[in-house]
Amino acid sequence: MNDAEALNYGMALAGLIFAIGLTGVLMRRNLIFILLSMEIMLNATGFAFIVAGAKWASADGQVMFILILAVAAAEVAIGLALLLRFHGMHKTLDTGRAAQMKG
């Protein structure tokens, strides 16, 4: 397998994983599953950076992946705090209930 094929397969896999995460965000109604799907999408993006960095023998992809991991950690911390607050107020994590909020 040459470098071009490896890049194509890697990007196709990253696209497939991203599509799975996007499907989870669009189809699920539970906020925890939506956060998990967003994590899957961020990991797919990081994987695409790793594959592209390996193609050109550069560490830039790995640096970007570390940045993506930091953003994902911040997203989880803030998202879970918001989920706890939402659950405390409404006793549910259904997104349909969030659409009915007044404010």
PDB file of N, CA and C in Angstrom:
ATOM      1  N   MET A   1       0.849  -1.175   0.000  1.00  0.00           N
ATOM      2  CA  MET A   1       0.000   0.000   0.000  1.00  0.00           C
ATOM      3  C   MET A   1       0.893   1.236   0.000  1.00  0.00           C
ATOM      4  N   ASN A   2       0.652   2.129  -0.932  1.00  0.00           N
ATOM      5  CA  ASN A   2       1.468   3.335  -0.993  1.00  0.00           C
ATOM      6  C   ASN A   2       0.842   4.434  -0.126  1.00  0.00           C
ATOM      7  N   ASP A   3       1.522   5.576  -0.082  1.00  0.00           N
ATOM      8  CA  ASP A   3       1.089   6.670   0.794  1.00  0.00           C
ATOM      9  C   ASP A   3      -0.267   7.244   0.391  1.00  0.00           C
ATOM     10  N   ALA A   4      -0.529   7.326  -0.903  1.00  0.00           N
ATOM     11  CA  ALA A   4      -1.802   7.899  -1.355  1.00  0.00           C
ATOM     12  C   ALA A   4      -2.978   7.017  -0.945  1.00  0.00           C
ATOM     13  N   GLU A   5      -2.805   5.698  -1.057  1.00  0.00           N
ATOM     14  CA  GLU A   5      -3.874   4.794  -0.641  1.00  0.00           C
ATOM     15  C   GLU A   5      -4.098   4.861   0.860  1.00  0.00           C
ATOM     16  N   ALA A   6      -3.009   4.929   1.614  1.00  0.00           N
ATOM     17  CA  ALA A   6      -3.134   5.016   3.069  1.00  0.00           C
ATOM     18  C   ALA A   6      -3.852   6.308   3.468  1.00  0.00           C
ATOM     19  N   LEU A   7      -3.520   7.399   2.794  1.00  0.00           N
ATOM     20  CA  LEU A   7      -4.198   8.668   3.069  1.00  0.00           C
ATOM     21  C   LEU A   7      -5.687   8.564   2.734  1.00  0.00           C
ATOM     22  N   ASN A   8      -6.010   7.964   1.600  1.00  0.00           N
ATOM     23  CA  ASN A   8      -7.410   7.823   1.207  1.00  0.00           C
ATOM     24  C   ASN A   8      -8.187   6.961   2.189  1.00  0.00           C
ATOM     25  N   TYR A   9      -7.615   5.825   2.584  1.00  0.00           N
ATOM     26  CA  TYR A   9      -8.290   4.953   3.541  1.00  0.00           C
ATOM     27  C   TYR A   9      -8.442   5.624   4.905  1.00  0.00           C
ATOM     28  N   GLY A  10      -7.413   6.309   5.329  1.00  0.00           N
ATOM     29  CA  GLY A  10      -7.476   7.006   6.618  1.00  0.00           C
ATOM     30  C   GLY A  10      -8.512   8.102   6.625  1.00  0.00           C
ATOM     31  N   MET A  11      -8.556   8.890   5.556  1.00  0.00           N
ATOM     32  CA  MET A  11      -9.550   9.959   5.472  1.00  0.00           C
ATOM     33  C   MET A  11     -10.961   9.400   5.326  1.00  0.00           C
ATOM     34  N   ALA A  12     -11.102   8.300   4.612  1.00  0.00           N
ATOM     35  CA  ALA A  12     -12.416   7.669   4.490  1.00  0.00           C
ATOM     36  C   ALA A  12     -12.893   7.162   5.854  1.00  0.00           C
ATOM     37  N   LEU A  13     -11.981   6.563   6.616  1.00  0.00           N
ATOM     38  CA  LEU A  13     -12.342   6.093   7.954  1.00  0.00           C
ATOM     39  C   LEU A  13     -12.699   7.264   8.863  1.00  0.00           C
ATOM     40  N   ALA A  14     -11.933   8.345   8.791  1.00  0.00           N
ATOM     41  CA  ALA A  14     -12.241   9.534   9.593  1.00  0.00           C
ATOM     42  C   ALA A  14     -13.600  10.105   9.195  1.00  0.00           C
ATOM     43  N   GLY A  15     -13.884  10.134   7.916  1.00  0.00           N
ATOM     44  CA  GLY A  15     -15.189  10.621   7.453  1.00  0.00           C
ATOM     45  C   GLY A  15     -16.328   9.736   7.923  1.00  0.00           C
ATOM     46  N   LEU A  16     -16.113   8.433   7.907  1.00  0.00           N
ATOM     47  CA  LEU A  16     -17.134   7.497   8.380  1.00  0.00           C
ATOM     48  C   LEU A  16     -17.394   7.680   9.875  1.00  0.00           C
ATOM     49  N   ILE A  17     -16.341   7.795  10.655  1.00  0.00           N
ATOM     50  CA  ILE A  17     -16.500   8.001  12.091  1.00  0.00           C
ATOM     51  C   ILE A  17     -17.182   9.340  12.364  1.00  0.00           C
ATOM     52  N   PHE A  18     -16.817  10.374  11.621  1.00  0.00           N
ATOM     53  CA  PHE A  18     -17.464  11.680  11.775  1.00  0.00           C
ATOM     54  C   PHE A  18     -18.943  11.589  11.435  1.00  0.00           C
ATOM     55  N   ALA A  19     -19.279  10.860  10.377  1.00  0.00           N
ATOM     56  CA  ALA A  19     -20.684  10.704   9.981  1.00  0.00           C
ATOM     57  C   ALA A  19     -21.473   9.960  11.053  1.00  0.00           C
ATOM     58  N   ILE A  20     -20.866   8.972  11.690  1.00  0.00           N
ATOM     59  CA  ILE A  20     -21.531   8.262  12.781  1.00  0.00           C
ATOM     60  C   ILE A  20     -21.811   9.219  13.932  1.00  0.00           C
ATOM     61  N   GLY A  21     -20.832  10.049  14.270  1.00  0.00           N
ATOM     62  CA  GLY A  21     -21.040  11.030  15.336  1.00  0.00           C
ATOM     63  C   GLY A  21     -22.099  12.049  14.978  1.00  0.00           C
ATOM     64  N   LEU A  22     -22.094  12.520  13.727  1.00  0.00           N
ATOM     65  CA  LEU A  22     -23.090  13.487  13.286  1.00  0.00           C
ATOM     66  C   LEU A  22     -24.493  12.876  13.318  1.00  0.00           C
ATOM     67  N   THR A  23     -24.599  11.625  12.928  1.00  0.00           N
ATOM     68  CA  THR A  23     -25.886  10.934  12.998  1.00  0.00           C
ATOM     69  C   THR A  23     -26.372  10.860  14.440  1.00  0.00           C
ATOM     70  N   GLY A  24     -25.462  10.583  15.352  1.00  0.00           N
ATOM     71  CA  GLY A  24     -25.835  10.540  16.769  1.00  0.00           C
ATOM     72  C   GLY A  24     -26.301  11.888  17.280  1.00  0.00           C
ATOM     73  N   VAL A  25     -25.659  12.959  16.848  1.00  0.00           N
ATOM     74  CA  VAL A  25     -26.078  14.301  17.284  1.00  0.00           C
ATOM     75  C   VAL A  25     -27.468  14.623  16.743  1.00  0.00           C
ATOM     76  N   LEU A  26     -27.724  14.268  15.498  1.00  0.00           N
ATOM     77  CA  LEU A  26     -28.994  14.624  14.880  1.00  0.00           C
ATOM     78  C   LEU A  26     -30.147  13.717  15.289  1.00  0.00           C
ATOM     79  N   MET A  27     -29.864  12.477  15.641  1.00  0.00           N
ATOM     80  CA  MET A  27     -30.942  11.518  15.900  1.00  0.00           C
ATOM     81  C   MET A  27     -31.298  11.360  17.374  1.00  0.00           C
ATOM     82  N   ARG A  28     -30.367  11.572  18.246  1.00  0.00           N
ATOM     83  CA  ARG A  28     -30.620  11.321  19.666  1.00  0.00           C
ATOM     84  C   ARG A  28     -31.358  12.477  20.308  1.00  0.00           C
ATOM     85  N   ARG A  29     -32.107  12.164  21.364  1.00  0.00           N
ATOM     86  CA  ARG A  29     -32.821  13.188  22.107  1.00  0.00           C
ATOM     87  C   ARG A  29     -32.248  13.360  23.511  1.00  0.00           C
ATOM     88  N   ASN A  30     -31.413  12.434  23.946  1.00  0.00           N
ATOM     89  CA  ASN A  30     -30.818  12.514  25.267  1.00  0.00           C
ATOM     90  C   ASN A  30     -29.528  13.346  25.182  1.00  0.00           C
ATOM     91  N   LEU A  31     -29.386  14.310  26.066  1.00  0.00           N
ATOM     92  CA  LEU A  31     -28.244  15.218  25.995  1.00  0.00           C
ATOM     93  C   LEU A  31     -26.909  14.518  26.248  1.00  0.00           C
ATOM     94  N   ILE A  32     -26.895  13.478  27.055  1.00  0.00           N
ATOM     95  CA  ILE A  32     -25.642  12.744  27.299  1.00  0.00           C
ATOM     96  C   ILE A  32     -25.177  12.052  26.017  1.00  0.00           C
ATOM     97  N   PHE A  33     -26.100  11.446  25.295  1.00  0.00           N
ATOM     98  CA  PHE A  33     -25.726  10.798  24.038  1.00  0.00           C
ATOM     99  C   PHE A  33     -25.279  11.820  22.994  1.00  0.00           C
ATOM    100  N   ILE A  34     -25.869  13.005  23.028  1.00  0.00           N
ATOM    101  CA  ILE A  34     -25.439  14.051  22.112  1.00  0.00           C
ATOM    102  C   ILE A  34     -24.011  14.472  22.424  1.00  0.00           C
ATOM    103  N   LEU A  35     -23.676  14.617  23.713  1.00  0.00           N
ATOM    104  CA  LEU A  35     -22.291  14.944  24.087  1.00  0.00           C
ATOM    105  C   LEU A  35     -21.324  13.843  23.670  1.00  0.00           C
ATOM    106  N   LEU A  36     -21.719  12.586  23.841  1.00  0.00           N
ATOM    107  CA  LEU A  36     -20.863  11.475  23.413  1.00  0.00           C
ATOM    108  C   LEU A  36     -20.653  11.501  21.896  1.00  0.00           C
ATOM    109  N   SER A  37     -21.697  11.814  21.165  1.00  0.00           N
ATOM    110  CA  SER A  37     -21.573  11.886  19.707  1.00  0.00           C
ATOM    111  C   SER A  37     -20.657  13.026  19.290  1.00  0.00           C
ATOM    112  N   MET A  38     -20.705  14.127  20.022  1.00  0.00           N
ATOM    113  CA  MET A  38     -19.788  15.235  19.713  1.00  0.00           C
ATOM    114  C   MET A  38     -18.347  14.833  19.990  1.00  0.00           C
ATOM    115  N   GLU A  39     -18.127  14.040  21.025  1.00  0.00           N
ATOM    116  CA  GLU A  39     -16.783  13.532  21.292  1.00  0.00           C
ATOM    117  C   GLU A  39     -16.302  12.639  20.152  1.00  0.00           C
ATOM    118  N   ILE A  40     -17.185  11.820  19.627  1.00  0.00           N
ATOM    119  CA  ILE A  40     -16.832  10.959  18.494  1.00  0.00           C
ATOM    120  C   ILE A  40     -16.436  11.813  17.295  1.00  0.00           C
ATOM    121  N   MET A  41     -17.173  12.891  17.062  1.00  0.00           N
ATOM    122  CA  MET A  41     -16.851  13.776  15.946  1.00  0.00           C
ATOM    123  C   MET A  41     -15.497  14.454  16.149  1.00  0.00           C
ATOM    124  N   LEU A  42     -15.204  14.887  17.366  1.00  0.00           N
ATOM    125  CA  LEU A  42     -13.899  15.507  17.628  1.00  0.00           C
ATOM    126  C   LEU A  42     -12.762  14.503  17.445  1.00  0.00           C
ATOM    127  N   ASN A  43     -12.979  13.260  17.867  1.00  0.00           N
ATOM    128  CA  ASN A  43     -11.942  12.244  17.687  1.00  0.00           C
ATOM    129  C   ASN A  43     -11.729  11.923  16.211  1.00  0.00           C
ATOM    130  N   ALA A  44     -12.794  11.923  15.429  1.00  0.00           N
ATOM    131  CA  ALA A  44     -12.645  11.699  13.987  1.00  0.00           C
ATOM    132  C   ALA A  44     -11.843  12.818  13.343  1.00  0.00           C
ATOM    133  N   THR A  45     -12.096  14.038  13.779  1.00  0.00           N
ATOM    134  CA  THR A  45     -11.337  15.170  13.254  1.00  0.00           C
ATOM    135  C   THR A  45      -9.860  15.044  13.620  1.00  0.00           C
ATOM    136  N   GLY A  46      -9.592  14.669  14.864  1.00  0.00           N
ATOM    137  CA  GLY A  46      -8.207  14.465  15.291  1.00  0.00           C
ATOM    138  C   GLY A  46      -7.527  13.355  14.507  1.00  0.00           C
ATOM    139  N   PHE A  47      -8.264  12.288  14.231  1.00  0.00           N
ATOM    140  CA  PHE A  47      -7.710  11.188  13.446  1.00  0.00           C
ATOM    141  C   PHE A  47      -7.355  11.658  12.034  1.00  0.00           C
ATOM    142  N   ALA A  48      -8.190  12.511  11.456  1.00  0.00           N
ATOM    143  CA  ALA A  48      -7.893  13.048  10.121  1.00  0.00           C
ATOM    144  C   ALA A  48      -6.612  13.877  10.151  1.00  0.00           C
ATOM    145  N   PHE A  49      -6.399  14.657  11.219  1.00  0.00           N
ATOM    146  CA  PHE A  49      -5.161  15.421  11.337  1.00  0.00           C
ATOM    147  C   PHE A  49      -3.951  14.499  11.473  1.00  0.00           C
ATOM    148  N   ILE A  50      -4.089  13.425  12.236  1.00  0.00           N
ATOM    149  CA  ILE A  50      -2.987  12.467  12.407  1.00  0.00           C
ATOM    150  C   ILE A  50      -2.635  11.825  11.062  1.00  0.00           C
ATOM    151  N   VAL A  51      -3.659  11.406  10.310  1.00  0.00           N
ATOM    152  CA  VAL A  51      -3.414  10.767   9.009  1.00  0.00           C
ATOM    153  C   VAL A  51      -2.737  11.743   8.051  1.00  0.00           C
ATOM    154  N   ALA A  52      -3.217  12.974   8.023  1.00  0.00           N
ATOM    155  CA  ALA A  52      -2.621  13.965   7.117  1.00  0.00           C
ATOM    156  C   ALA A  52      -1.187  14.283   7.535  1.00  0.00           C
ATOM    157  N   GLY A  53      -0.935  14.368   8.837  1.00  0.00           N
ATOM    158  CA  GLY A  53       0.427  14.629   9.307  1.00  0.00           C
ATOM    159  C   GLY A  53       1.366  13.486   8.980  1.00  0.00           C
ATOM    160  N   ALA A  54       0.861  12.254   9.047  1.00  0.00           N
ATOM    161  CA  ALA A  54       1.698  11.095   8.712  1.00  0.00           C
ATOM    162  C   ALA A  54       2.015  11.064   7.220  1.00  0.00           C
ATOM    163  N   LYS A  55       1.086  11.529   6.402  1.00  0.00           N
ATOM    164  CA  LYS A  55       1.319  11.531   4.949  1.00  0.00           C
ATOM    165  C   LYS A  55       2.501  12.415   4.589  1.00  0.00           C
ATOM    166  N   TRP A  56       2.590  13.591   5.235  1.00  0.00           N
ATOM    167  CA  TRP A  56       3.659  14.530   4.913  1.00  0.00           C
ATOM    168  C   TRP A  56       4.796  14.493   5.922  1.00  0.00           C
ATOM    169  N   ALA A  57       4.835  13.453   6.756  1.00  0.00           N
ATOM    170  CA  ALA A  57       5.911  13.252   7.740  1.00  0.00           C
ATOM    171  C   ALA A  57       6.136  14.502   8.588  1.00  0.00           C
ATOM    172  N   SER A  58       5.038  15.035   9.090  1.00  0.00           N
ATOM    173  CA  SER A  58       5.086  16.251   9.888  1.00  0.00           C
ATOM    174  C   SER A  58       4.401  16.004  11.229  1.00  0.00           C
ATOM    175  N   ALA A  59       4.882  16.669  12.251  1.00  0.00           N
ATOM    176  CA  ALA A  59       4.283  16.534  13.582  1.00  0.00           C
ATOM    177  C   ALA A  59       3.102  17.477  13.776  1.00  0.00           C
ATOM    178  N   ASP A  60       2.748  18.251  12.760  1.00  0.00           N
ATOM    179  CA  ASP A  60       1.648  19.206  12.883  1.00  0.00           C
ATOM    180  C   ASP A  60       0.327  18.520  13.197  1.00  0.00           C
ATOM    181  N   GLY A  61       0.079  17.357  12.615  1.00  0.00           N
ATOM    182  CA  GLY A  61      -1.154  16.629  12.875  1.00  0.00           C
ATOM    183  C   GLY A  61      -1.269  16.204  14.323  1.00  0.00           C
ATOM    184  N   GLN A  62      -0.149  15.788  14.906  1.00  0.00           N
ATOM    185  CA  GLN A  62      -0.162  15.372  16.306  1.00  0.00           C
ATOM    186  C   GLN A  62      -0.371  16.569  17.228  1.00  0.00           C
ATOM    187  N   VAL A  63       0.196  17.700  16.869  1.00  0.00           N
ATOM    188  CA  VAL A  63       0.004  18.915  17.664  1.00  0.00           C
ATOM    189  C   VAL A  63      -1.461  19.341  17.615  1.00  0.00           C
ATOM    190  N   MET A  64      -2.059  19.274  16.448  1.00  0.00           N
ATOM    191  CA  MET A  64      -3.467  19.626  16.320  1.00  0.00           C
ATOM    192  C   MET A  64      -4.344  18.653  17.099  1.00  0.00           C
ATOM    193  N   PHE A  65      -3.974  17.374  17.120  1.00  0.00           N
ATOM    194  CA  PHE A  65      -4.741  16.393  17.876  1.00  0.00           C
ATOM    195  C   PHE A  65      -4.683  16.686  19.371  1.00  0.00           C
ATOM    196  N   ILE A  66      -3.539  17.111  19.856  1.00  0.00           N
ATOM    197  CA  ILE A  66      -3.432  17.491  21.271  1.00  0.00           C
ATOM    198  C   ILE A  66      -4.315  18.696  21.556  1.00  0.00           C
ATOM    199  N   LEU A  67      -4.361  19.649  20.639  1.00  0.00           N
ATOM    200  CA  LEU A  67      -5.248  20.801  20.791  1.00  0.00           C
ATOM    201  C   LEU A  67      -6.710  20.352  20.796  1.00  0.00           C
ATOM    202  N   ILE A  68      -7.059  19.425  19.919  1.00  0.00           N
ATOM    203  CA  ILE A  68      -8.426  18.914  19.867  1.00  0.00           C
ATOM    204  C   ILE A  68      -8.774  18.188  21.167  1.00  0.00           C
ATOM    205  N   LEU A  69      -7.829  17.441  21.725  1.00  0.00           N
ATOM    206  CA  LEU A  69      -8.078  16.773  23.009  1.00  0.00           C
ATOM    207  C   LEU A  69      -8.324  17.779  24.123  1.00  0.00           C
ATOM    208  N   ALA A  70      -7.604  18.887  24.109  1.00  0.00           N
ATOM    209  CA  ALA A  70      -7.818  19.927  25.123  1.00  0.00           C
ATOM    210  C   ALA A  70      -9.200  20.557  24.964  1.00  0.00           C
ATOM    211  N   VAL A  71      -9.600  20.818  23.731  1.00  0.00           N
ATOM    212  CA  VAL A  71     -10.933  21.371  23.485  1.00  0.00           C
ATOM    213  C   VAL A  71     -12.010  20.373  23.901  1.00  0.00           C
ATOM    214  N   ALA A  72     -11.784  19.100  23.623  1.00  0.00           N
ATOM    215  CA  ALA A  72     -12.755  18.068  24.005  1.00  0.00           C
ATOM    216  C   ALA A  72     -12.882  17.971  25.527  1.00  0.00           C
ATOM    217  N   ALA A  73     -11.776  18.086  26.237  1.00  0.00           N
ATOM    218  CA  ALA A  73     -11.831  18.039  27.699  1.00  0.00           C
ATOM    219  C   ALA A  73     -12.608  19.233  28.246  1.00  0.00           C
ATOM    220  N   ALA A  74     -12.392  20.404  27.672  1.00  0.00           N
ATOM    221  CA  ALA A  74     -13.145  21.587  28.109  1.00  0.00           C
ATOM    222  C   ALA A  74     -14.624  21.440  27.776  1.00  0.00           C
ATOM    223  N   GLU A  75     -14.918  20.868  26.606  1.00  0.00           N
ATOM    224  CA  GLU A  75     -16.311  20.659  26.213  1.00  0.00           C
ATOM    225  C   GLU A  75     -17.012  19.703  27.164  1.00  0.00           C
ATOM    226  N   VAL A  76     -16.326  18.657  27.574  1.00  0.00           N
ATOM    227  CA  VAL A  76     -16.914  17.703  28.508  1.00  0.00           C
ATOM    228  C   VAL A  76     -17.160  18.350  29.862  1.00  0.00           C
ATOM    229  N   ALA A  77     -16.204  19.103  30.351  1.00  0.00           N
ATOM    230  CA  ALA A  77     -16.362  19.738  31.661  1.00  0.00           C
ATOM    231  C   ALA A  77     -17.528  20.723  31.659  1.00  0.00           C
ATOM    232  N   ILE A  78     -17.596  21.584  30.665  1.00  0.00           N
ATOM    233  CA  ILE A  78     -18.674  22.564  30.599  1.00  0.00           C
ATOM    234  C   ILE A  78     -20.001  21.878  30.284  1.00  0.00           C
ATOM    235  N   GLY A  79     -19.984  20.924  29.375  1.00  0.00           N
ATOM    236  CA  GLY A  79     -21.214  20.219  29.004  1.00  0.00           C
ATOM    237  C   GLY A  79     -21.814  19.449  30.166  1.00  0.00           C
ATOM    238  N   LEU A  80     -20.990  18.755  30.928  1.00  0.00           N
ATOM    239  CA  LEU A  80     -21.518  18.011  32.071  1.00  0.00           C
ATOM    240  C   LEU A  80     -22.028  18.936  33.158  1.00  0.00           C
ATOM    241  N   ALA A  81     -21.380  20.076  33.353  1.00  0.00           N
ATOM    242  CA  ALA A  81     -21.886  21.047  34.323  1.00  0.00           C
ATOM    243  C   ALA A  81     -23.254  21.575  33.891  1.00  0.00           C
ATOM    244  N   LEU A  82     -23.402  21.863  32.606  1.00  0.00           N
ATOM    245  CA  LEU A  82     -24.700  22.314  32.106  1.00  0.00           C
ATOM    246  C   LEU A  82     -25.753  21.221  32.211  1.00  0.00           C
ATOM    247  N   LEU A  83     -25.353  19.977  31.953  1.00  0.00           N
ATOM    248  CA  LEU A  83     -26.292  18.860  32.079  1.00  0.00           C
ATOM    249  C   LEU A  83     -26.762  18.689  33.520  1.00  0.00           C
ATOM    250  N   LEU A  84     -25.856  18.787  34.460  1.00  0.00           N
ATOM    251  CA  LEU A  84     -26.250  18.674  35.872  1.00  0.00           C
ATOM    252  C   LEU A  84     -27.213  19.784  36.261  1.00  0.00           C
ATOM    253  N   ARG A  85     -26.948  20.982  35.799  1.00  0.00           N
ATOM    254  CA  ARG A  85     -27.838  22.114  36.092  1.00  0.00           C
ATOM    255  C   ARG A  85     -29.204  21.918  35.432  1.00  0.00           C
ATOM    256  N   PHE A  86     -29.204  21.479  34.184  1.00  0.00           N
ATOM    257  CA  PHE A  86     -30.454  21.237  33.467  1.00  0.00           C
ATOM    258  C   PHE A  86     -31.261  20.133  34.131  1.00  0.00           C
ATOM    259  N   HIS A  87     -30.579  19.064  34.530  1.00  0.00           N
ATOM    260  CA  HIS A  87     -31.276  17.957  35.189  1.00  0.00           C
ATOM    261  C   HIS A  87     -31.824  18.390  36.545  1.00  0.00           C
ATOM    262  N   GLY A  88     -31.099  19.221  37.243  1.00  0.00           N
ATOM    263  CA  GLY A  88     -31.586  19.719  38.521  1.00  0.00           C
ATOM    264  C   GLY A  88     -32.835  20.573  38.380  1.00  0.00           C
ATOM    265  N   MET A  89     -32.924  21.311  37.303  1.00  0.00           N
ATOM    266  CA  MET A  89     -34.079  22.196  37.099  1.00  0.00           C
ATOM    267  C   MET A  89     -35.283  21.462  36.518  1.00  0.00           C
ATOM    268  N   HIS A  90     -35.069  20.507  35.620  1.00  0.00           N
ATOM    269  CA  HIS A  90     -36.170  19.911  34.863  1.00  0.00           C
ATOM    270  C   HIS A  90     -36.377  18.421  35.112  1.00  0.00           C
ATOM    271  N   LYS A  91     -35.479  17.767  35.844  1.00  0.00           N
ATOM    272  CA  LYS A  91     -35.575  16.343  36.162  1.00  0.00           C
ATOM    273  C   LYS A  91     -35.619  15.440  34.925  1.00  0.00           C
ATOM    274  N   THR A  92     -35.050  15.912  33.833  1.00  0.00           N
ATOM    275  CA  THR A  92     -34.952  15.127  32.608  1.00  0.00           C
ATOM    276  C   THR A  92     -33.768  15.633  31.794  1.00  0.00           C
ATOM    277  N   LEU A  93     -33.305  14.802  30.864  1.00  0.00           N
ATOM    278  CA  LEU A  93     -32.246  15.206  29.947  1.00  0.00           C
ATOM    279  C   LEU A  93     -32.726  15.173  28.499  1.00  0.00           C
ATOM    280  N   ASP A  94     -34.035  15.203  28.308  1.00  0.00           N
ATOM    281  CA  ASP A  94     -34.627  15.166  26.976  1.00  0.00           C
ATOM    282  C   ASP A  94     -34.521  16.538  26.322  1.00  0.00           C
ATOM    283  N   THR A  95     -34.077  16.567  25.069  1.00  0.00           N
ATOM    284  CA  THR A  95     -33.916  17.840  24.374  1.00  0.00           C
ATOM    285  C   THR A  95     -35.257  18.489  24.054  1.00  0.00           C
ATOM    286  N   GLY A  96     -36.328  17.711  23.975  1.00  0.00           N
ATOM    287  CA  GLY A  96     -37.638  18.288  23.749  1.00  0.00           C
ATOM    288  C   GLY A  96     -38.062  19.192  24.893  1.00  0.00           C
ATOM    289  N   ARG A  97     -37.633  18.866  26.080  1.00  0.00           N
ATOM    290  CA  ARG A  97     -37.942  19.699  27.251  1.00  0.00           C
ATOM    291  C   ARG A  97     -37.168  21.020  27.191  1.00  0.00           C
ATOM    292  N   ALA A  98     -35.987  20.988  26.654  1.00  0.00           N
ATOM    293  CA  ALA A  98     -35.189  22.214  26.541  1.00  0.00           C
ATOM    294  C   ALA A  98     -35.839  23.199  25.574  1.00  0.00           C
ATOM    295  N   ALA A  99     -36.539  22.687  24.561  1.00  0.00           N
ATOM    296  CA  ALA A  99     -37.201  23.573  23.604  1.00  0.00           C
ATOM    297  C   ALA A  99     -38.395  24.287  24.244  1.00  0.00           C
ATOM    298  N   GLN A 100     -38.908  23.763  25.352  1.00  0.00           N
ATOM    299  CA  GLN A 100     -40.055  24.348  26.008  1.00  0.00           C
ATOM    300  C   GLN A 100     -39.671  25.343  27.102  1.00  0.00           C
ATOM    301  N   MET A 101     -38.389  25.568  27.294  1.00  0.00           N
ATOM    302  CA  MET A 101     -37.946  26.457  28.360  1.00  0.00           C
ATOM    303  C   MET A 101     -38.338  27.891  28.063  1.00  0.00           C
ATOM    304  N   LYS A 102     -38.609  28.599  29.109  1.00  0.00           N
ATOM    305  CA  LYS A 102     -38.928  30.020  28.984  1.00  0.00           C
ATOM    306  C   LYS A 102     -37.732  30.806  29.483  1.00  0.00           C
ATOM    307  N   GLY A 103     -37.507  31.990  28.912  1.00  0.00           N
ATOM    308  CA  GLY A 103     -36.393  32.754  29.418  1.00  0.00           C
ATOM    309  C   GLY A 103     -35.937  33.844  28.522  1.00  0.00           C
TER     310      GLY A 103
END
